[in-house]
């Protein structure tokens, strides 16, 4: 899948999802939020992915001004996973 505001690289069972709007210091947008949700869900159901790393490069974003209303994401069907710390 092609994304506008994030980069996704999967190799050696590691998915790296990187924020990719350096000129805006990776500021929040609803497009990026949707893309992140899609990328994390795709990594969750990919049997080859064992680790997900979220990165931001030099800058990490601040929250948007004011409240942001987001629809609920609904259930995700995925293979059984074992999470560290549980």
C-alpha atoms as a PDB file:
ATOM      1  CA  UNK A   1       0.000   0.000   0.000  1.00  0.00           C
ATOM      2  CA  UNK A   2       1.136   3.545  -0.687  1.00  0.00           C
ATOM      3  CA  UNK A   3       0.932   6.137   2.081  1.00  0.00           C
ATOM      4  CA  UNK A   4       1.195   9.938   1.953  1.00  0.00           C
ATOM      5  CA  UNK A   5       2.424  10.750   5.453  1.00  0.00           C
ATOM      6  CA  UNK A   6       4.158   7.634   6.765  1.00  0.00           C
ATOM      7  CA  UNK A   7       6.777   5.200   5.516  1.00  0.00           C
ATOM      8  CA  UNK A   8       6.418   1.462   6.079  1.00  0.00           C
ATOM      9  CA  UNK A   9       9.319  -0.930   5.688  1.00  0.00           C
ATOM     10  CA  UNK A  10       9.064  -4.653   6.466  1.00  0.00           C
ATOM     11  CA  UNK A  11      12.153  -6.831   6.471  1.00  0.00           C
ATOM     12  CA  UNK A  12      13.483  -9.668   8.600  1.00  0.00           C
ATOM     13  CA  UNK A  13      10.124  -9.923  10.436  1.00  0.00           C
ATOM     14  CA  UNK A  14      10.369  -6.287  11.595  1.00  0.00           C
ATOM     15  CA  UNK A  15       7.872  -3.639  10.464  1.00  0.00           C
ATOM     16  CA  UNK A  16       9.189  -0.100  10.844  1.00  0.00           C
ATOM     17  CA  UNK A  17       6.522   2.600  10.583  1.00  0.00           C
ATOM     18  CA  UNK A  18       8.013   6.096  10.341  1.00  0.00           C
ATOM     19  CA  UNK A  19       6.237   9.461  10.436  1.00  0.00           C
ATOM     20  CA  UNK A  20       7.145  11.270   7.214  1.00  0.00           C
ATOM     21  CA  UNK A  21       6.229  14.957   7.313  1.00  0.00           C
ATOM     22  CA  UNK A  22       9.533  16.509   8.396  1.00  0.00           C
ATOM     23  CA  UNK A  23       8.724  19.901   6.861  1.00  0.00           C
ATOM     24  CA  UNK A  24       5.739  20.129   9.264  1.00  0.00           C
ATOM     25  CA  UNK A  25       7.699  18.547  12.131  1.00  0.00           C
ATOM     26  CA  UNK A  26       5.427  15.512  11.839  1.00  0.00           C
ATOM     27  CA  UNK A  27       2.391  17.492  12.994  1.00  0.00           C
ATOM     28  CA  UNK A  28      -0.847  15.605  13.519  1.00  0.00           C
ATOM     29  CA  UNK A  29      -3.316  15.188  10.667  1.00  0.00           C
ATOM     30  CA  UNK A  30      -6.353  12.953  10.374  1.00  0.00           C
ATOM     31  CA  UNK A  31      -4.824  11.478   7.204  1.00  0.00           C
ATOM     32  CA  UNK A  32      -1.765  10.372   9.145  1.00  0.00           C
ATOM     33  CA  UNK A  33      -3.924   8.957  11.928  1.00  0.00           C
ATOM     34  CA  UNK A  34      -5.853   6.895   9.373  1.00  0.00           C
ATOM     35  CA  UNK A  35      -2.624   5.734   7.725  1.00  0.00           C
ATOM     36  CA  UNK A  36      -1.124   4.690  11.057  1.00  0.00           C
ATOM     37  CA  UNK A  37      -4.237   2.710  11.925  1.00  0.00           C
ATOM     38  CA  UNK A  38      -4.132   0.956   8.564  1.00  0.00           C
ATOM     39  CA  UNK A  39      -0.402   0.207   8.838  1.00  0.00           C
ATOM     40  CA  UNK A  40      -0.659  -1.157  12.405  1.00  0.00           C
ATOM     41  CA  UNK A  41      -3.640  -3.333  11.473  1.00  0.00           C
ATOM     42  CA  UNK A  42      -1.774  -4.663   8.418  1.00  0.00           C
ATOM     43  CA  UNK A  43       1.275  -5.487  10.557  1.00  0.00           C
ATOM     44  CA  UNK A  44      -0.944  -7.191  13.126  1.00  0.00           C
ATOM     45  CA  UNK A  45      -2.415  -9.640  10.597  1.00  0.00           C
ATOM     46  CA  UNK A  46       0.822 -10.255   8.655  1.00  0.00           C
ATOM     47  CA  UNK A  47       2.189 -13.613   9.850  1.00  0.00           C
ATOM     48  CA  UNK A  48       5.718 -12.597   8.820  1.00  0.00           C
ATOM     49  CA  UNK A  49       5.791  -9.552  11.129  1.00  0.00           C
ATOM     50  CA  UNK A  50       7.011 -10.271  14.661  1.00  0.00           C
ATOM     51  CA  UNK A  51       8.050  -6.768  15.779  1.00  0.00           C
ATOM     52  CA  UNK A  52       6.669  -3.295  15.009  1.00  0.00           C
ATOM     53  CA  UNK A  53       8.811  -0.209  15.534  1.00  0.00           C
ATOM     54  CA  UNK A  54       7.205   3.233  15.365  1.00  0.00           C
ATOM     55  CA  UNK A  55       9.675   6.000  14.563  1.00  0.00           C
ATOM     56  CA  UNK A  56       9.491   9.708  13.898  1.00  0.00           C
ATOM     57  CA  UNK A  57      12.906  10.745  12.658  1.00  0.00           C
ATOM     58  CA  UNK A  58      14.035  14.044  14.166  1.00  0.00           C
ATOM     59  CA  UNK A  59      10.678  15.448  15.345  1.00  0.00           C
ATOM     60  CA  UNK A  60       7.702  13.926  17.081  1.00  0.00           C
ATOM     61  CA  UNK A  61       4.360  15.671  16.849  1.00  0.00           C
ATOM     62  CA  UNK A  62       2.345  17.608  19.337  1.00  0.00           C
ATOM     63  CA  UNK A  63      -1.369  16.871  19.669  1.00  0.00           C
ATOM     64  CA  UNK A  64      -3.743  18.866  17.491  1.00  0.00           C
ATOM     65  CA  UNK A  65      -5.379  21.965  18.910  1.00  0.00           C
ATOM     66  CA  UNK A  66      -8.789  21.222  20.362  1.00  0.00           C
ATOM     67  CA  UNK A  67     -10.661  17.945  20.522  1.00  0.00           C
ATOM     68  CA  UNK A  68     -10.460  15.465  17.672  1.00  0.00           C
ATOM     69  CA  UNK A  69     -13.425  13.210  17.131  1.00  0.00           C
ATOM     70  CA  UNK A  70     -12.536   9.813  15.730  1.00  0.00           C
ATOM     71  CA  UNK A  71     -14.935   6.999  14.930  1.00  0.00           C
ATOM     72  CA  UNK A  72     -14.291   3.752  16.817  1.00  0.00           C
ATOM     73  CA  UNK A  73     -12.008   1.336  14.995  1.00  0.00           C
ATOM     74  CA  UNK A  74     -13.979  -1.857  15.529  1.00  0.00           C
ATOM     75  CA  UNK A  75     -12.532  -5.322  16.047  1.00  0.00           C
ATOM     76  CA  UNK A  76      -9.468  -6.640  14.274  1.00  0.00           C
ATOM     77  CA  UNK A  77      -9.207 -10.330  13.532  1.00  0.00           C
ATOM     78  CA  UNK A  78      -5.665 -11.561  13.914  1.00  0.00           C
ATOM     79  CA  UNK A  79      -3.679 -14.681  14.648  1.00  0.00           C
ATOM     80  CA  UNK A  80      -2.871 -15.382  18.287  1.00  0.00           C
ATOM     81  CA  UNK A  81      -0.063 -13.086  19.426  1.00  0.00           C
ATOM     82  CA  UNK A  82       2.076 -13.111  22.524  1.00  0.00           C
ATOM     83  CA  UNK A  83       2.827  -9.637  23.828  1.00  0.00           C
ATOM     84  CA  UNK A  84       5.713  -8.811  26.126  1.00  0.00           C
ATOM     85  CA  UNK A  85       4.705  -7.580  29.547  1.00  0.00           C
ATOM     86  CA  UNK A  86       1.370  -9.410  29.674  1.00  0.00           C
END
